[in-house]
Protein backbone atom coordinates (compact mmCIF):
# COMPACT_ATOMS: atom_id res chain seq x y z
CA MET A 1 -18.47 18.26 3.87
CA LEU A 2 -20.06 14.84 4.41
CA ARG A 3 -19.38 12.99 7.63
CA LEU A 4 -17.36 10.06 6.37
CA VAL A 5 -16.54 6.89 8.34
CA THR A 6 -12.80 6.17 8.45
CA PRO A 7 -11.91 2.60 9.50
CA GLU A 8 -9.22 2.30 12.16
CA THR A 9 -5.79 1.13 11.06
CA VAL A 10 -4.68 -1.72 13.33
CA ARG A 11 -1.48 -3.74 13.65
CA PRO A 12 -2.27 -7.32 14.79
CA ASN A 13 0.58 -9.25 16.38
CA THR A 14 -0.26 -12.61 14.80
CA ILE A 15 -1.69 -14.16 11.67
CA GLU A 16 -4.46 -15.57 13.81
CA GLU A 17 -5.45 -12.12 15.01
CA LEU A 18 -5.43 -10.79 11.45
CA ASN A 19 -7.53 -13.73 10.20
CA THR A 20 -10.07 -13.07 12.96
CA LEU A 21 -10.31 -9.41 11.98
CA VAL A 22 -10.66 -10.12 8.24
CA SER A 23 -13.34 -12.79 8.76
CA SER A 24 -15.35 -10.70 11.23
CA HIS A 25 -16.84 -8.40 8.62
CA LYS A 26 -20.02 -8.74 6.52
CA ASN A 27 -19.11 -8.00 2.90
CA GLU A 28 -21.51 -7.43 0.02
CA ASP A 29 -21.11 -6.54 -3.67
CA VAL A 30 -23.92 -4.82 -5.52
CA ILE A 31 -24.15 -4.03 -9.25
CA ALA A 32 -26.27 -0.93 -9.75
CA SER A 33 -26.82 1.82 -12.26
CA ILE A 34 -25.64 5.23 -11.16
CA GLY A 35 -29.22 6.43 -11.60
CA GLU A 36 -30.18 4.24 -8.60
CA ILE A 37 -27.76 6.12 -6.32
CA SER A 38 -28.36 9.35 -4.35
CA LEU A 39 -26.96 11.21 -1.39
CA LYS A 40 -29.00 12.16 1.63
CA GLU A 41 -28.04 13.17 5.20
CA ASP A 42 -24.44 11.79 5.13
CA LYS A 43 -25.65 8.49 3.64
CA ILE A 44 -25.69 6.96 0.21
CA ILE A 45 -29.06 5.65 -0.89
CA VAL A 46 -29.01 2.63 -3.24
CA ARG A 47 -32.50 1.58 -4.26
CA ASP A 48 -34.23 1.05 -0.87
CA SER A 49 -31.08 0.74 1.28
CA SER A 50 -28.90 3.36 2.85
CA TYR A 51 -25.24 3.11 3.87
CA ALA A 52 -22.70 5.22 5.71
CA ILE A 53 -19.84 6.26 3.46
CA ARG A 54 -16.07 5.72 3.81
CA PRO A 55 -13.61 8.14 2.22
CA SER A 56 -12.68 5.55 -0.47
CA GLY A 57 -16.36 5.05 -1.32
CA PHE A 58 -16.97 8.79 -1.62
CA LYS A 59 -13.86 9.24 -3.77
CA GLY A 60 -14.95 6.38 -6.05
CA LEU A 61 -18.43 7.86 -6.51
CA LEU A 62 -17.00 11.24 -7.42
CA GLN A 63 -14.67 9.70 -9.95
CA HIS A 64 -17.59 7.99 -11.73
CA ILE A 65 -19.56 11.22 -11.98
CA LYS A 66 -16.46 13.23 -12.80
CA MET A 67 -16.73 15.67 -9.87
CA PRO A 68 -13.36 16.82 -8.48
CA LEU A 69 -12.80 15.79 -4.86
CA GLY A 70 -11.42 19.25 -4.01
CA TYR A 71 -14.60 20.93 -5.25
CA ALA A 72 -16.84 18.43 -3.44
CA SER A 73 -14.95 19.05 -0.20
CA SER A 74 -15.24 22.82 -0.41
CA ILE A 75 -18.96 23.39 -1.02
CA PRO A 76 -21.85 23.28 1.53
CA ASN A 77 -23.63 20.00 1.96
CA ASP A 78 -26.94 21.15 0.45
CA LEU A 79 -25.16 22.18 -2.75
CA LEU A 80 -23.12 18.97 -2.67
CA TYR A 81 -26.27 16.81 -2.39
CA ASP A 82 -27.97 18.73 -5.19
CA SER A 83 -24.99 18.58 -7.50
CA VAL A 84 -24.31 14.87 -6.95
CA ASN A 85 -27.93 13.86 -7.23
CA ARG A 86 -28.38 15.79 -10.39
CA LEU A 87 -25.39 14.08 -11.95
CA THR A 88 -26.43 10.59 -10.75
CA SER A 89 -30.06 10.94 -11.83
CA LYS A 90 -29.42 12.53 -15.24
CA THR A 91 -25.91 12.81 -16.69
CA TYR A 92 -24.56 9.43 -15.64
CA ALA A 93 -27.83 7.59 -14.82
CA ASP A 94 -27.34 4.75 -17.27
CA SER A 95 -23.77 3.84 -16.32
CA GLU A 96 -23.27 0.70 -14.20
CA VAL A 97 -20.96 0.43 -11.20
CA LEU A 98 -19.87 -2.16 -8.68
CA LEU A 99 -20.63 -1.04 -5.09
CA ARG A 100 -18.53 -2.76 -2.44
CA ILE A 101 -20.15 -2.64 1.00
CA GLN A 102 -18.84 -3.75 4.37
CA ASP A 103 -20.78 -3.65 7.60
CA ASN A 104 -23.35 -1.30 6.03
CA GLU A 105 -20.67 1.11 4.90
CA LEU A 106 -19.97 1.94 1.25
CA ARG A 107 -16.24 1.39 0.82
CA ALA A 108 -15.75 1.46 -2.93
CA VAL A 109 -17.41 2.40 -6.19
CA LEU A 110 -15.65 0.52 -9.00
CA SER A 111 -16.08 -0.57 -12.63
CA PRO A 112 -18.29 -3.68 -13.03
CA ASN A 113 -15.25 -5.24 -14.73
CA TYR A 114 -13.21 -5.01 -11.52
CA VAL A 115 -11.77 -8.45 -10.51
CA PRO A 116 -11.85 -8.88 -6.75
CA LEU A 117 -8.52 -10.22 -5.41
CA ASP A 118 -9.52 -9.64 -1.83
CA THR A 119 -8.10 -9.71 1.67
CA THR A 120 -10.30 -12.69 2.55
CA GLU A 121 -8.80 -14.70 -0.32
CA LEU A 122 -5.25 -13.59 0.58
CA MET A 123 -5.65 -15.03 4.05
CA LYS A 124 -6.20 -18.48 2.52
CA HIS A 125 -2.70 -18.37 0.99
CA VAL A 126 -0.78 -17.09 4.00
CA SER A 127 -0.45 -20.67 5.27
CA LYS A 128 1.68 -21.42 2.17
CA ALA A 129 4.02 -18.62 3.18
CA GLU A 130 4.17 -19.99 6.72
CA ALA A 131 5.02 -23.48 5.38
CA LEU A 132 8.18 -21.90 3.91
CA GLY A 133 9.28 -20.78 7.34
CA LEU A 134 8.00 -17.23 7.07
CA LYS A 135 6.84 -15.49 10.21
CA PRO A 136 5.10 -12.08 10.49
CA ALA A 137 7.39 -9.14 11.10
CA ARG A 138 4.78 -6.46 10.64
CA ILE A 139 1.05 -6.60 9.92
CA THR A 140 -1.08 -3.54 9.00
CA TYR A 141 -4.80 -3.76 8.28
CA ASP A 142 -7.46 -1.02 7.83
CA ASN A 143 -10.55 -3.11 6.87
CA ASP A 144 -9.98 -2.40 3.16
CA ASN A 145 -6.26 -3.12 2.71
CA ILE A 146 -3.65 -5.54 4.06
CA LEU A 147 0.10 -5.03 4.20
CA LEU A 148 1.68 -8.21 5.60
CA SER A 149 5.48 -8.45 5.87
CA MET A 150 6.90 -11.83 6.74
CA VAL A 151 10.55 -12.90 7.27
CA THR A 152 12.59 -16.09 7.51
CA GLU A 153 15.47 -16.83 9.91
CA ALA A 154 17.94 -16.08 7.12
CA GLU A 155 19.95 -12.92 7.79
CA VAL A 156 21.93 -10.43 5.77
CA LYS A 157 24.68 -8.99 7.93
CA ALA A 158 26.52 -5.71 7.38
CA LYS A 159 29.03 -5.65 10.15
CA GLN A 160 30.56 -2.31 9.22
CA VAL A 161 27.35 -0.46 10.09
CA GLY A 162 26.39 -2.85 12.88
CA ASP A 163 23.17 -3.75 11.11
CA ILE A 164 21.42 -7.04 10.47
CA SER A 165 18.51 -7.49 8.11
CA LYS A 166 16.24 -10.49 7.77
CA ILE A 167 14.97 -11.44 4.30
CA GLY A 168 11.36 -12.11 3.55
CA ILE A 169 8.26 -11.22 1.54
CA SER A 170 5.83 -8.35 1.63
CA LEU A 171 2.26 -9.38 0.69
CA GLY A 172 -0.57 -6.98 0.07
CA THR A 173 -3.93 -6.47 -1.60
CA SER A 174 -6.85 -4.09 -1.52
CA ASP A 175 -10.62 -4.64 -1.50
CA VAL A 176 -11.22 -1.13 -2.81
CA GLY A 177 -8.77 -0.81 -5.69
CA ASP A 178 -6.13 1.20 -3.82
CA THR A 179 -3.31 -1.24 -4.68
CA PRO A 180 -3.05 -4.43 -6.83
CA LEU A 181 -2.51 -7.85 -5.37
CA ASN A 182 1.26 -7.97 -4.90
CA ALA A 183 4.15 -9.92 -3.48
CA GLY A 184 7.67 -8.53 -3.24
CA ALA A 185 11.04 -9.08 -1.67
CA PHE A 186 11.26 -7.55 1.84
CA LEU A 187 14.19 -6.61 4.04
CA TYR A 188 13.58 -6.13 7.76
CA ARG A 189 16.20 -4.36 9.83
CA LEU A 190 16.47 -5.87 13.30
CA LEU A 191 18.27 -2.85 14.75
CA CYS A 192 15.25 -0.56 14.38
CA THR A 193 12.45 -2.88 13.09
CA ASN A 194 12.16 -0.78 9.91
CA GLY A 195 11.54 -2.36 6.54
CA ALA A 196 11.99 -1.88 2.80
CA ILE A 197 10.00 -3.41 -0.08
CA LEU A 198 12.02 -4.13 -3.14
CA PRO A 199 10.53 -3.29 -6.57
CA VAL A 200 8.64 -6.13 -8.27
CA SER A 201 11.28 -6.21 -10.94
CA PHE A 202 13.76 -7.55 -8.41
CA ALA A 203 13.80 -11.14 -7.10
CA GLY A 204 10.70 -12.35 -8.85
CA GLY A 205 8.21 -9.95 -7.30
CA MET A 206 4.63 -9.99 -8.60
CA SER A 207 1.87 -7.48 -9.13
CA PHE A 208 -1.46 -8.21 -10.74
CA ASP A 209 -3.78 -5.76 -12.45
CA GLN A 210 -7.26 -6.24 -11.09
CA LYS A 211 -8.79 -5.15 -14.37
CA LYS A 212 -7.03 -7.91 -16.31
CA ALA A 213 -6.52 -10.67 -13.74
CA ASN A 214 -7.85 -14.17 -14.31
CA PRO A 215 -9.13 -15.21 -10.87
CA GLU A 216 -9.17 -18.87 -11.82
CA SER A 217 -5.38 -19.04 -12.08
CA ILE A 218 -4.06 -15.91 -10.41
CA TRP A 219 -3.99 -17.19 -6.81
CA SER A 220 -2.08 -20.32 -7.82
CA ILE A 221 0.56 -18.23 -9.58
CA PHE A 222 0.72 -15.90 -6.68
CA SER A 223 1.36 -18.40 -3.87
CA SER A 224 3.64 -20.56 -6.01
CA GLY A 225 5.95 -17.54 -6.45
CA PHE A 226 6.82 -17.17 -2.71
CA ASP A 227 9.69 -19.68 -2.74
CA LYS A 228 11.11 -18.09 -5.89
CA ILE A 229 11.37 -14.71 -4.17
CA LEU A 230 12.94 -16.26 -1.08
CA HIS A 231 15.48 -18.20 -3.20
CA LYS A 232 16.52 -15.03 -5.04
CA MET A 233 16.75 -13.06 -1.79
CA SER A 234 18.87 -15.83 -0.13
CA GLN A 235 21.54 -15.06 -2.74
CA VAL A 236 21.73 -11.34 -1.96
CA ASP A 237 25.28 -10.29 -0.99
CA SER A 238 25.85 -8.98 2.48
CA GLU A 239 27.59 -5.75 1.47
CA PHE A 240 24.68 -3.69 0.25
CA LEU A 241 24.22 -1.61 3.43
CA ILE A 242 28.00 -0.99 3.56
CA ARG A 243 27.82 0.34 -0.03
CA LEU A 244 25.03 2.68 1.04
CA GLU A 245 27.16 3.99 3.91
CA GLN A 246 30.13 4.50 1.60
CA THR A 247 28.12 6.50 -0.94
CA GLU A 248 28.32 10.13 0.09
CA VAL A 249 25.41 12.31 -0.96
CA THR A 250 26.14 15.19 -3.31
CA ALA A 251 23.58 17.66 -4.60
CA ALA A 252 23.15 15.52 -7.75
CA THR A 253 22.88 12.32 -5.73
CA PHE A 254 20.22 13.82 -3.46
CA ILE A 255 18.11 15.04 -6.39
CA LYS A 256 18.28 11.55 -7.86
CA ALA A 257 17.29 9.95 -4.53
CA LYS A 258 14.55 12.50 -3.97
CA ASN A 259 13.07 11.78 -7.39
CA LYS A 260 13.15 8.05 -6.72
CA ILE A 261 11.34 8.42 -3.40
CA SER A 262 8.84 10.89 -4.85
CA GLN A 263 7.75 8.32 -7.45
CA TYR A 264 6.27 6.26 -4.61
CA ALA A 265 5.69 8.46 -1.58
CA GLY A 266 4.07 11.91 -1.31
CA GLY A 267 2.19 14.05 1.12
CA ARG A 268 3.17 16.79 3.51
CA LYS A 269 5.09 14.58 5.92
CA VAL A 270 7.30 13.16 3.18
CA ASP A 271 7.77 16.57 1.58
CA HIS A 272 8.82 17.98 4.95
CA LEU A 273 11.30 15.10 5.54
CA LEU A 274 12.88 15.57 2.11
CA LYS A 275 13.10 19.34 2.47
CA GLU A 276 14.72 18.92 5.84
CA MET A 277 17.36 16.61 4.37
CA GLU A 278 17.85 18.89 1.35
CA SER A 279 18.46 21.86 3.67
CA ASP A 280 21.05 19.94 5.63
CA ILE A 281 22.84 18.67 2.50
CA LEU A 282 22.66 21.73 0.27
CA ASP A 283 22.47 24.65 2.72
CA LYS A 284 24.24 23.43 5.81
CA ASP A 285 26.77 21.28 3.98
CA ALA A 286 26.10 18.35 6.27
CA LYS A 287 27.79 15.05 5.50
CA TYR A 288 25.12 12.61 4.46
CA THR A 289 25.46 9.10 3.02
CA VAL A 290 22.74 7.31 1.07
CA PHE A 291 22.47 5.04 4.14
CA ASP A 292 21.36 8.11 6.17
CA ILE A 293 18.59 8.79 3.66
CA TYR A 294 17.56 5.13 3.63
CA ASN A 295 17.49 5.14 7.40
CA LYS A 296 15.35 8.27 7.64
CA ILE A 297 12.85 6.96 5.05
CA THR A 298 12.43 3.56 6.67
CA GLU A 299 12.15 5.23 10.12
CA SER A 300 9.42 7.56 8.75
CA ALA A 301 7.60 4.55 7.23
CA HIS A 302 7.61 2.74 10.58
CA ARG A 303 5.85 5.74 12.21
CA GLN A 304 3.12 6.23 9.58
CA PRO A 305 -0.46 5.71 10.90
CA ASN A 306 -1.77 5.27 7.35
CA LEU A 307 -1.23 1.88 5.62
CA GLN A 308 -0.77 3.30 2.12
CA ASP A 309 1.77 5.88 3.32
CA GLN A 310 3.74 3.15 5.12
CA ARG A 311 3.77 0.97 2.00
CA SER A 312 4.75 3.89 -0.25
CA LEU A 313 7.70 4.85 1.90
CA GLU A 314 8.93 1.25 2.21
CA MET A 315 8.76 0.96 -1.55
CA GLY A 316 10.74 4.21 -1.88
CA ALA A 317 13.38 2.76 0.45
CA GLY A 318 13.48 -0.38 -1.69
CA GLU A 319 14.15 1.74 -4.76
CA LEU A 320 17.07 3.43 -2.98
CA LEU A 321 18.55 0.03 -2.24
CA LEU A 322 18.22 -1.26 -5.74
CA ASP A 323 19.62 1.90 -7.32
CA PHE A 324 22.32 3.06 -4.96
CA ALA A 325 23.48 -0.14 -3.24
CA SER A 326 23.69 -2.13 -6.46
CA LEU A 327 21.71 -4.81 -4.73
CA LYS A 328 22.42 -8.09 -6.48
CA ALA A 329 22.56 -11.85 -6.03
CA THR A 330 25.90 -13.49 -5.29
CA ASN A 331 25.36 -16.12 -8.01
């Protein structure tokens, strides 16, 4: 298997720290034909230049030459080089791709039609969120993706469960096509500093397809939607966590909740968590409420070292809220 370069996931404490990190990189986009690309000694060669390779870049290259990642990961390097170079130089030589490079590392291989809605541009619009009174609750950055959760002073209180949540917005985008540019309603629990991202269908959330986006207008639409989300969230009733606690989990309820979470979050850790709860509920006859599931999912999201796993779990928690707590505005 190739030696790939995996960027570190960091959690800056302030917007200033995040902005410094984002602006510290040297980014370059190159349009090339696949025939100009080859692999050699853990590097990708593009014309006369060589670059180290990130996992996202390697995955993107394999997708464009239609080689399964599992196969590429299982064969010796000499066979991998030979197979990839044969496909790039012959079968797919005439196809064009967009190569996204950062600090001399290939981080993405995308369609030339890809519309960059990048982390550097997102940072220019964070000031508009701050002007609405939003402050960072959690920031996650891995060089290629940003997940920025910001909250206001407004609180949603659920006294019965001794829980207080702040309302806010979750902002995110990807430089490598992992996720679309998005803004969604966010709930941040002060008791445990866990969060949930509500579906874009709730409270005016936004998500933009980077194959269809119009970059001339998209950022204006994006930042002008922040106050709409906050206004909708300010109307949320304060009983939603209580309704979660009052909803006892049956076998049918758990299957429904499991399916909801699985739409967004996967992997061994999530599967283990769901199987553990399923065993308690179905085999041990433990008394679970939907609040218990929500709590375990958000707690697991908080511990995730991977940005995409964290986001997926927080979105799964948001789906639980919308579906089981009948989350709604008061007027």
